[in-house]
């Protein structure tokens, strides 16, 4: 199953649109591209696998696997990439600026409600991250 993140890169942050099986789910925010440096950069474009994960801090969320030279890249709620992200991806309902959005928890819950049933049935979900053509 295909999850696609199309990004627009900016100096202060990275904004994106997340789609599943061709249908838009939400927008996303991330840190700016800084050569895949841990905790200060978004991850490289490419193909990744996504799995369900639990932690005391974020409860049930999604982890992006096999990111070169990185680990614990998560999808979790945040409304300001610079203040709340360390390389992870935050779903947001609406973009408000470069690396900024609003109503992240609502967008995150929507993402989980769409993906978790497939993951629980054993489906493989692949995430493709690429530069937006628009």
C-alpha atoms as a PDB file:
ATOM      1  CA  UNK A   1       0.000   0.000   0.000  1.00  0.00           C
ATOM      2  CA  UNK A   2       1.292   3.445  -0.899  1.00  0.00           C
ATOM      3  CA  UNK A   3       1.658   6.445   1.359  1.00  0.00           C
ATOM      4  CA  UNK A   4       3.127   9.437  -0.498  1.00  0.00           C
ATOM      5  CA  UNK A   5       4.587  12.611   1.009  1.00  0.00           C
ATOM      6  CA  UNK A   6       5.131  15.406  -1.522  1.00  0.00           C
ATOM      7  CA  UNK A   7       7.309  18.156  -0.075  1.00  0.00           C
ATOM      8  CA  UNK A   8       7.955  21.840  -0.629  1.00  0.00           C
ATOM      9  CA  UNK A   9      11.291  22.941   0.840  1.00  0.00           C
ATOM     10  CA  UNK A  10      11.732  26.322   2.522  1.00  0.00           C
ATOM     11  CA  UNK A  11      14.465  27.993   4.582  1.00  0.00           C
ATOM     12  CA  UNK A  12      12.552  27.758   7.880  1.00  0.00           C
ATOM     13  CA  UNK A  13      10.907  24.371   7.378  1.00  0.00           C
ATOM     14  CA  UNK A  14       9.495  21.782   5.016  1.00  0.00           C
ATOM     15  CA  UNK A  15       5.796  21.576   4.183  1.00  0.00           C
ATOM     16  CA  UNK A  16       4.088  18.655   2.534  1.00  0.00           C
ATOM     17  CA  UNK A  17       0.954  16.890   1.447  1.00  0.00           C
ATOM     18  CA  UNK A  18       0.377  13.318   2.594  1.00  0.00           C
ATOM     19  CA  UNK A  19      -1.732  10.949   0.485  1.00  0.00           C
ATOM     20  CA  UNK A  20      -2.693   7.303   0.922  1.00  0.00           C
ATOM     21  CA  UNK A  21      -3.616   5.197  -2.093  1.00  0.00           C
ATOM     22  CA  UNK A  22      -4.019   8.418  -4.107  1.00  0.00           C
ATOM     23  CA  UNK A  23      -6.312  10.217  -1.623  1.00  0.00           C
ATOM     24  CA  UNK A  24      -5.115  13.255   0.342  1.00  0.00           C
ATOM     25  CA  UNK A  25      -5.080  12.688   4.103  1.00  0.00           C
ATOM     26  CA  UNK A  26      -3.532  15.882   5.472  1.00  0.00           C
ATOM     27  CA  UNK A  27      -0.675  18.373   5.229  1.00  0.00           C
ATOM     28  CA  UNK A  28       2.659  17.870   7.008  1.00  0.00           C
ATOM     29  CA  UNK A  29       5.419  19.939   8.572  1.00  0.00           C
ATOM     30  CA  UNK A  30       9.071  19.022   9.071  1.00  0.00           C
ATOM     31  CA  UNK A  31      12.391  20.661   9.742  1.00  0.00           C
ATOM     32  CA  UNK A  32      14.244  22.243   6.812  1.00  0.00           C
ATOM     33  CA  UNK A  33      16.613  20.081   4.748  1.00  0.00           C
ATOM     34  CA  UNK A  34      20.086  20.189   6.337  1.00  0.00           C
ATOM     35  CA  UNK A  35      21.823  17.209   4.722  1.00  0.00           C
ATOM     36  CA  UNK A  36      20.091  14.594   6.905  1.00  0.00           C
ATOM     37  CA  UNK A  37      21.798  15.807  10.087  1.00  0.00           C
ATOM     38  CA  UNK A  38      20.351  14.140  13.178  1.00  0.00           C
ATOM     39  CA  UNK A  39      17.769  16.169  15.084  1.00  0.00           C
ATOM     40  CA  UNK A  40      18.065  19.286  12.869  1.00  0.00           C
ATOM     41  CA  UNK A  41      17.079  18.065   9.370  1.00  0.00           C
ATOM     42  CA  UNK A  42      14.170  16.370   7.691  1.00  0.00           C
ATOM     43  CA  UNK A  43      15.001  12.913   6.313  1.00  0.00           C
ATOM     44  CA  UNK A  44      16.068  12.304   2.699  1.00  0.00           C
ATOM     45  CA  UNK A  45      13.631  11.683  -0.114  1.00  0.00           C
ATOM     46  CA  UNK A  46      13.205   7.986  -0.822  1.00  0.00           C
ATOM     47  CA  UNK A  47      11.189   4.856  -0.135  1.00  0.00           C
ATOM     48  CA  UNK A  48      10.590   3.736   3.453  1.00  0.00           C
ATOM     49  CA  UNK A  49       8.394   1.310   5.321  1.00  0.00           C
ATOM     50  CA  UNK A  50       5.993   2.515   8.013  1.00  0.00           C
ATOM     51  CA  UNK A  51       5.019   0.559  11.137  1.00  0.00           C
ATOM     52  CA  UNK A  52       2.842   1.047  14.175  1.00  0.00           C
ATOM     53  CA  UNK A  53       4.768   1.882  17.365  1.00  0.00           C
ATOM     54  CA  UNK A  54       3.982   2.648  21.002  1.00  0.00           C
ATOM     55  CA  UNK A  55       5.901   4.893  23.402  1.00  0.00           C
ATOM     56  CA  UNK A  56       4.919   6.409  26.762  1.00  0.00           C
ATOM     57  CA  UNK A  57       5.418   9.934  25.331  1.00  0.00           C
ATOM     58  CA  UNK A  58       3.432   9.649  22.076  1.00  0.00           C
ATOM     59  CA  UNK A  59       1.248   6.575  22.833  1.00  0.00           C
ATOM     60  CA  UNK A  60       0.358   4.819  19.541  1.00  0.00           C
ATOM     61  CA  UNK A  61       2.001   6.474  16.547  1.00  0.00           C
ATOM     62  CA  UNK A  62       3.887   5.599  13.332  1.00  0.00           C
ATOM     63  CA  UNK A  63       7.591   5.004  12.806  1.00  0.00           C
ATOM     64  CA  UNK A  64       9.461   5.422   9.517  1.00  0.00           C
ATOM     65  CA  UNK A  65      11.917   2.530   9.138  1.00  0.00           C
ATOM     66  CA  UNK A  66      15.324   2.167   7.476  1.00  0.00           C
ATOM     67  CA  UNK A  67      16.236   5.843   7.289  1.00  0.00           C
ATOM     68  CA  UNK A  68      19.954   6.025   6.503  1.00  0.00           C
ATOM     69  CA  UNK A  69      22.010   7.194   9.507  1.00  0.00           C
ATOM     70  CA  UNK A  70      18.837   7.973  11.482  1.00  0.00           C
ATOM     71  CA  UNK A  71      16.499   6.201  13.852  1.00  0.00           C
ATOM     72  CA  UNK A  72      13.233   6.857  15.647  1.00  0.00           C
ATOM     73  CA  UNK A  73      11.802   8.963  12.833  1.00  0.00           C
ATOM     74  CA  UNK A  74       8.151   9.218  13.808  1.00  0.00           C
ATOM     75  CA  UNK A  75       4.846  10.611  12.656  1.00  0.00           C
ATOM     76  CA  UNK A  76       3.535  12.446  15.722  1.00  0.00           C
ATOM     77  CA  UNK A  77       1.552  15.616  16.509  1.00  0.00           C
ATOM     78  CA  UNK A  78       3.306  19.010  16.432  1.00  0.00           C
ATOM     79  CA  UNK A  79       2.360  22.460  15.192  1.00  0.00           C
ATOM     80  CA  UNK A  80       5.822  24.039  14.966  1.00  0.00           C
ATOM     81  CA  UNK A  81       8.687  22.047  13.439  1.00  0.00           C
ATOM     82  CA  UNK A  82      11.512  24.138  14.924  1.00  0.00           C
ATOM     83  CA  UNK A  83      10.112  23.957  18.461  1.00  0.00           C
ATOM     84  CA  UNK A  84       8.629  20.445  18.512  1.00  0.00           C
ATOM     85  CA  UNK A  85      10.392  18.188  15.990  1.00  0.00           C
ATOM     86  CA  UNK A  86      13.812  16.515  15.936  1.00  0.00           C
ATOM     87  CA  UNK A  87      13.630  15.125  12.420  1.00  0.00           C
ATOM     88  CA  UNK A  88      10.155  13.605  12.679  1.00  0.00           C
ATOM     89  CA  UNK A  89       7.088  14.310  10.540  1.00  0.00           C
ATOM     90  CA  UNK A  90       3.999  16.024  11.946  1.00  0.00           C
ATOM     91  CA  UNK A  91       0.607  15.771  10.279  1.00  0.00           C
ATOM     92  CA  UNK A  92      -1.317  19.064  10.408  1.00  0.00           C
ATOM     93  CA  UNK A  93      -4.810  20.040   9.322  1.00  0.00           C
ATOM     94  CA  UNK A  94      -3.710  23.323   7.798  1.00  0.00           C
ATOM     95  CA  UNK A  95      -0.386  25.008   7.048  1.00  0.00           C
ATOM     96  CA  UNK A  96       0.231  28.412   8.631  1.00  0.00           C
ATOM     97  CA  UNK A  97       3.823  29.032   7.526  1.00  0.00           C
ATOM     98  CA  UNK A  98       7.132  27.335   6.758  1.00  0.00           C
ATOM     99  CA  UNK A  99       7.267  24.316   9.048  1.00  0.00           C
ATOM    100  CA  UNK A 100       4.158  25.492  10.895  1.00  0.00           C
ATOM    101  CA  UNK A 101       0.573  24.280  11.014  1.00  0.00           C
ATOM    102  CA  UNK A 102      -2.519  23.952  13.173  1.00  0.00           C
ATOM    103  CA  UNK A 103      -4.761  21.215  14.515  1.00  0.00           C
ATOM    104  CA  UNK A 104      -2.036  18.602  14.381  1.00  0.00           C
ATOM    105  CA  UNK A 105      -3.726  16.156  16.767  1.00  0.00           C
ATOM    106  CA  UNK A 106      -6.838  16.053  14.533  1.00  0.00           C
ATOM    107  CA  UNK A 107      -4.720  15.339  11.433  1.00  0.00           C
ATOM    108  CA  UNK A 108      -2.661  12.759  13.349  1.00  0.00           C
ATOM    109  CA  UNK A 109      -5.795  10.935  14.538  1.00  0.00           C
ATOM    110  CA  UNK A 110      -7.113  10.909  10.975  1.00  0.00           C
ATOM    111  CA  UNK A 111      -3.836   9.394   9.739  1.00  0.00           C
ATOM    112  CA  UNK A 112      -3.898   6.689  12.437  1.00  0.00           C
ATOM    113  CA  UNK A 113      -7.560   5.880  11.782  1.00  0.00           C
ATOM    114  CA  UNK A 114      -6.782   5.328   8.101  1.00  0.00           C
ATOM    115  CA  UNK A 115      -3.508   3.377   8.410  1.00  0.00           C
ATOM    116  CA  UNK A 116      -3.805   1.353  11.628  1.00  0.00           C
ATOM    117  CA  UNK A 117      -6.533  -1.049  10.403  1.00  0.00           C
ATOM    118  CA  UNK A 118      -4.334  -2.021   7.432  1.00  0.00           C
ATOM    119  CA  UNK A 119      -1.214  -2.409   9.580  1.00  0.00           C
ATOM    120  CA  UNK A 120      -3.132  -4.520  12.107  1.00  0.00           C
ATOM    121  CA  UNK A 121      -4.186  -6.875   9.282  1.00  0.00           C
ATOM    122  CA  UNK A 122      -0.560  -7.325   8.237  1.00  0.00           C
ATOM    123  CA  UNK A 123      -0.482  -5.078   5.175  1.00  0.00           C
ATOM    124  CA  UNK A 124       2.839  -3.472   4.293  1.00  0.00           C
ATOM    125  CA  UNK A 125       2.658   0.310   3.951  1.00  0.00           C
ATOM    126  CA  UNK A 126       5.458   1.953   2.019  1.00  0.00           C
ATOM    127  CA  UNK A 127       6.132   5.690   2.305  1.00  0.00           C
ATOM    128  CA  UNK A 128       7.522   7.496  -0.720  1.00  0.00           C
ATOM    129  CA  UNK A 129       8.946  10.952   0.045  1.00  0.00           C
ATOM    130  CA  UNK A 130       9.548  13.199  -2.967  1.00  0.00           C
ATOM    131  CA  UNK A 131       9.723  16.825  -3.990  1.00  0.00           C
ATOM    132  CA  UNK A 132       6.399  18.293  -5.025  1.00  0.00           C
ATOM    133  CA  UNK A 133       6.025  19.122  -8.695  1.00  0.00           C
ATOM    134  CA  UNK A 134       3.528  21.927  -7.988  1.00  0.00           C
END
